N, C-alpha and C. Protein backbone atom coordinates (compact mmCIF):
# COMPACT_ATOMS: atom_id res chain seq x y z
N MET A 1 -119.17 46.76 66.65
CA MET A 1 -120.39 46.16 66.13
C MET A 1 -120.63 44.83 66.86
N SER A 2 -121.85 44.63 67.26
CA SER A 2 -122.21 43.46 68.04
C SER A 2 -122.59 42.29 67.14
N THR A 3 -122.29 41.09 67.61
CA THR A 3 -122.66 39.88 66.87
C THR A 3 -123.94 39.25 67.41
N GLU A 4 -124.58 39.97 68.31
CA GLU A 4 -125.80 39.44 68.92
C GLU A 4 -126.90 39.20 67.89
N TRP A 5 -126.99 40.06 66.86
CA TRP A 5 -128.03 39.89 65.85
C TRP A 5 -127.83 38.60 65.07
N ILE A 6 -126.58 38.18 64.88
CA ILE A 6 -126.29 36.93 64.17
C ILE A 6 -126.79 35.75 65.01
N LEU A 7 -126.51 35.79 66.29
CA LEU A 7 -126.95 34.71 67.17
C LEU A 7 -128.48 34.66 67.26
N ASP A 8 -129.14 35.82 67.30
CA ASP A 8 -130.61 35.85 67.32
C ASP A 8 -131.19 35.25 66.05
N ALA A 9 -130.63 35.59 64.90
CA ALA A 9 -131.11 35.05 63.63
C ALA A 9 -130.91 33.54 63.58
N PHE A 10 -129.78 33.07 64.07
CA PHE A 10 -129.51 31.63 64.11
C PHE A 10 -130.52 30.91 65.00
N ARG A 11 -130.81 31.46 66.16
CA ARG A 11 -131.77 30.84 67.09
C ARG A 11 -133.17 30.78 66.48
N ARG A 12 -133.58 31.88 65.82
CA ARG A 12 -134.90 31.89 65.18
C ARG A 12 -134.99 30.83 64.09
N GLN A 13 -133.95 30.72 63.28
CA GLN A 13 -133.93 29.73 62.20
C GLN A 13 -133.94 28.32 62.78
N HIS A 14 -133.18 28.08 63.83
CA HIS A 14 -133.12 26.76 64.44
C HIS A 14 -134.47 26.36 65.01
N LEU A 15 -135.16 27.28 65.68
CA LEU A 15 -136.48 26.97 66.23
C LEU A 15 -137.49 26.69 65.13
N THR A 16 -137.42 27.43 64.03
CA THR A 16 -138.33 27.20 62.92
C THR A 16 -138.11 25.82 62.33
N LYS A 17 -136.88 25.43 62.09
CA LYS A 17 -136.58 24.10 61.54
C LYS A 17 -137.04 23.00 62.50
N LYS A 18 -136.83 23.21 63.79
CA LYS A 18 -137.23 22.22 64.79
C LYS A 18 -138.75 22.06 64.80
N ASP A 19 -139.49 23.17 64.73
CA ASP A 19 -140.95 23.12 64.69
C ASP A 19 -141.44 22.38 63.45
N GLU A 20 -140.80 22.62 62.30
CA GLU A 20 -141.18 21.92 61.07
C GLU A 20 -140.96 20.43 61.21
N LEU A 21 -139.86 20.03 61.80
CA LEU A 21 -139.56 18.62 61.99
C LEU A 21 -140.57 17.96 62.91
N ILE A 22 -140.92 18.62 64.00
CA ILE A 22 -141.91 18.08 64.93
C ILE A 22 -143.26 17.95 64.23
N ARG A 23 -143.63 18.91 63.42
CA ARG A 23 -144.90 18.87 62.69
C ARG A 23 -144.91 17.69 61.72
N GLU A 24 -143.80 17.45 61.01
CA GLU A 24 -143.72 16.34 60.06
C GLU A 24 -143.85 15.00 60.77
N ILE A 25 -143.23 14.87 61.93
CA ILE A 25 -143.27 13.61 62.66
C ILE A 25 -144.66 13.34 63.21
N SER A 26 -145.36 14.37 63.66
CA SER A 26 -146.66 14.17 64.30
C SER A 26 -147.79 13.94 63.31
N GLU A 27 -147.61 14.32 62.03
CA GLU A 27 -148.67 14.12 61.05
C GLU A 27 -148.69 12.65 60.62
N PRO A 28 -149.88 12.11 60.34
CA PRO A 28 -149.94 10.71 59.89
C PRO A 28 -149.32 10.53 58.51
N TYR A 29 -148.86 9.34 58.27
CA TYR A 29 -148.25 9.05 56.98
C TYR A 29 -149.32 8.97 55.91
N PRO A 30 -149.12 9.59 54.76
CA PRO A 30 -150.14 9.56 53.71
C PRO A 30 -150.36 8.14 53.16
N GLN A 31 -149.35 7.30 53.19
CA GLN A 31 -149.48 5.94 52.70
C GLN A 31 -150.37 5.10 53.60
N ASP A 32 -150.47 5.46 54.86
CA ASP A 32 -151.25 4.68 55.81
C ASP A 32 -152.73 4.63 55.44
N ASP A 33 -153.23 5.64 54.74
CA ASP A 33 -154.62 5.67 54.33
C ASP A 33 -154.90 4.67 53.21
N LYS A 34 -153.85 4.20 52.53
CA LYS A 34 -154.02 3.29 51.40
C LYS A 34 -153.85 1.83 51.80
N LEU A 35 -153.54 1.57 53.06
CA LEU A 35 -153.37 0.20 53.54
C LEU A 35 -154.64 -0.27 54.23
N PHE A 36 -155.05 -1.51 53.93
CA PHE A 36 -156.25 -2.08 54.51
C PHE A 36 -155.94 -3.45 55.09
N VAL A 37 -156.78 -3.90 56.01
CA VAL A 37 -156.68 -5.25 56.58
C VAL A 37 -157.84 -6.05 56.04
N CYS A 38 -157.55 -7.22 55.46
CA CYS A 38 -158.59 -8.08 54.92
C CYS A 38 -159.36 -8.72 56.07
N ASP A 39 -160.70 -8.73 55.95
CA ASP A 39 -161.56 -9.31 56.99
C ASP A 39 -161.36 -10.81 57.13
N CYS A 40 -161.15 -11.51 56.03
CA CYS A 40 -161.15 -12.97 56.12
C CYS A 40 -159.76 -13.56 56.39
N CYS A 41 -158.69 -12.99 55.83
CA CYS A 41 -157.36 -13.60 56.02
C CYS A 41 -156.45 -12.79 56.93
N ASN A 42 -156.88 -11.59 57.35
CA ASN A 42 -156.14 -10.74 58.27
C ASN A 42 -154.78 -10.29 57.73
N SER A 43 -154.66 -10.24 56.38
CA SER A 43 -153.45 -9.73 55.74
C SER A 43 -153.63 -8.25 55.44
N VAL A 44 -152.53 -7.51 55.47
CA VAL A 44 -152.57 -6.10 55.08
C VAL A 44 -152.33 -6.04 53.58
N TRP A 45 -153.10 -5.22 52.89
CA TRP A 45 -152.98 -5.11 51.44
C TRP A 45 -153.20 -3.68 50.99
N GLN A 46 -152.75 -3.40 49.77
CA GLN A 46 -152.97 -2.09 49.16
C GLN A 46 -153.02 -2.27 47.65
N THR A 47 -153.70 -1.36 46.99
CA THR A 47 -153.72 -1.35 45.54
C THR A 47 -152.64 -0.39 45.08
N ALA A 48 -151.73 -0.89 44.26
CA ALA A 48 -150.65 -0.04 43.73
C ALA A 48 -151.23 0.91 42.68
N TRP A 49 -150.50 1.93 42.33
CA TRP A 49 -151.00 2.95 41.40
C TRP A 49 -151.22 2.38 40.01
N TYR A 50 -150.60 1.26 39.68
CA TYR A 50 -150.76 0.65 38.36
C TYR A 50 -151.77 -0.51 38.40
N GLY A 51 -152.52 -0.65 39.50
CA GLY A 51 -153.61 -1.61 39.57
C GLY A 51 -153.28 -2.94 40.23
N GLU A 52 -152.03 -3.23 40.43
CA GLU A 52 -151.64 -4.49 41.08
C GLU A 52 -151.92 -4.41 42.58
N ILE A 53 -152.23 -5.56 43.18
CA ILE A 53 -152.49 -5.59 44.62
C ILE A 53 -151.26 -6.15 45.34
N ASN A 54 -150.78 -5.41 46.32
CA ASN A 54 -149.64 -5.84 47.12
C ASN A 54 -150.14 -6.38 48.45
N TYR A 55 -149.62 -7.55 48.85
CA TYR A 55 -150.01 -8.21 50.09
C TYR A 55 -148.86 -8.17 51.08
N TYR A 56 -149.15 -8.00 52.34
CA TYR A 56 -148.15 -7.99 53.40
C TYR A 56 -148.63 -8.90 54.52
N LYS A 57 -148.01 -10.06 54.67
CA LYS A 57 -148.45 -11.05 55.67
C LYS A 57 -148.06 -10.63 57.09
N ASP A 58 -146.82 -10.22 57.30
CA ASP A 58 -146.33 -9.88 58.64
C ASP A 58 -146.24 -8.36 58.79
N PHE A 59 -147.40 -7.72 58.83
CA PHE A 59 -147.46 -6.26 58.89
C PHE A 59 -148.41 -5.89 60.02
N PRO A 60 -148.10 -4.87 60.82
CA PRO A 60 -148.99 -4.48 61.92
C PRO A 60 -150.37 -4.07 61.40
N THR A 61 -151.41 -4.53 62.07
CA THR A 61 -152.78 -4.24 61.64
C THR A 61 -153.47 -3.19 62.50
N ILE A 62 -152.83 -2.73 63.54
CA ILE A 62 -153.44 -1.77 64.45
C ILE A 62 -153.64 -0.43 63.74
N GLY A 63 -154.86 0.07 63.79
CA GLY A 63 -155.18 1.37 63.20
C GLY A 63 -155.49 1.33 61.72
N LYS A 64 -155.47 0.17 61.09
CA LYS A 64 -155.77 0.07 59.66
C LYS A 64 -157.27 -0.17 59.47
N LYS A 65 -157.80 0.33 58.38
CA LYS A 65 -159.22 0.13 58.05
C LYS A 65 -159.42 -1.31 57.59
N ARG A 66 -160.52 -1.90 57.98
CA ARG A 66 -160.85 -3.28 57.58
C ARG A 66 -161.67 -3.24 56.31
N LYS A 67 -161.19 -3.95 55.30
CA LYS A 67 -161.85 -3.99 54.01
C LYS A 67 -161.49 -5.31 53.34
N ARG A 68 -162.47 -5.96 52.77
CA ARG A 68 -162.23 -7.25 52.14
C ARG A 68 -161.37 -7.09 50.89
N MET A 69 -160.38 -7.95 50.77
CA MET A 69 -159.44 -7.91 49.66
C MET A 69 -160.13 -8.33 48.36
N PRO A 70 -159.82 -7.71 47.24
CA PRO A 70 -160.40 -8.15 45.97
C PRO A 70 -160.02 -9.62 45.71
N GLY A 71 -160.98 -10.37 45.25
CA GLY A 71 -160.76 -11.80 45.05
C GLY A 71 -161.23 -12.64 46.22
N HIS A 72 -161.57 -12.02 47.33
CA HIS A 72 -162.07 -12.73 48.51
C HIS A 72 -163.55 -12.47 48.73
N GLU A 73 -164.23 -11.91 47.73
CA GLU A 73 -165.65 -11.60 47.88
C GLU A 73 -166.49 -12.85 47.89
């Protein structure tokens, strides 16, 4: 009896897992849509699920949507 079928099954499973990992890495982070850059102070902020606003002073702003922070209107 040959063990070739075991090796083929292992290779197929390995390629499937690798493809899933590549897909996960290439998709944008869902949290990134909830982060904004304030127009006036250039801080990154987000509204937490319980209504509080979190501020991030030293956070990359590239690719974030620009939106005025509540309280800065």
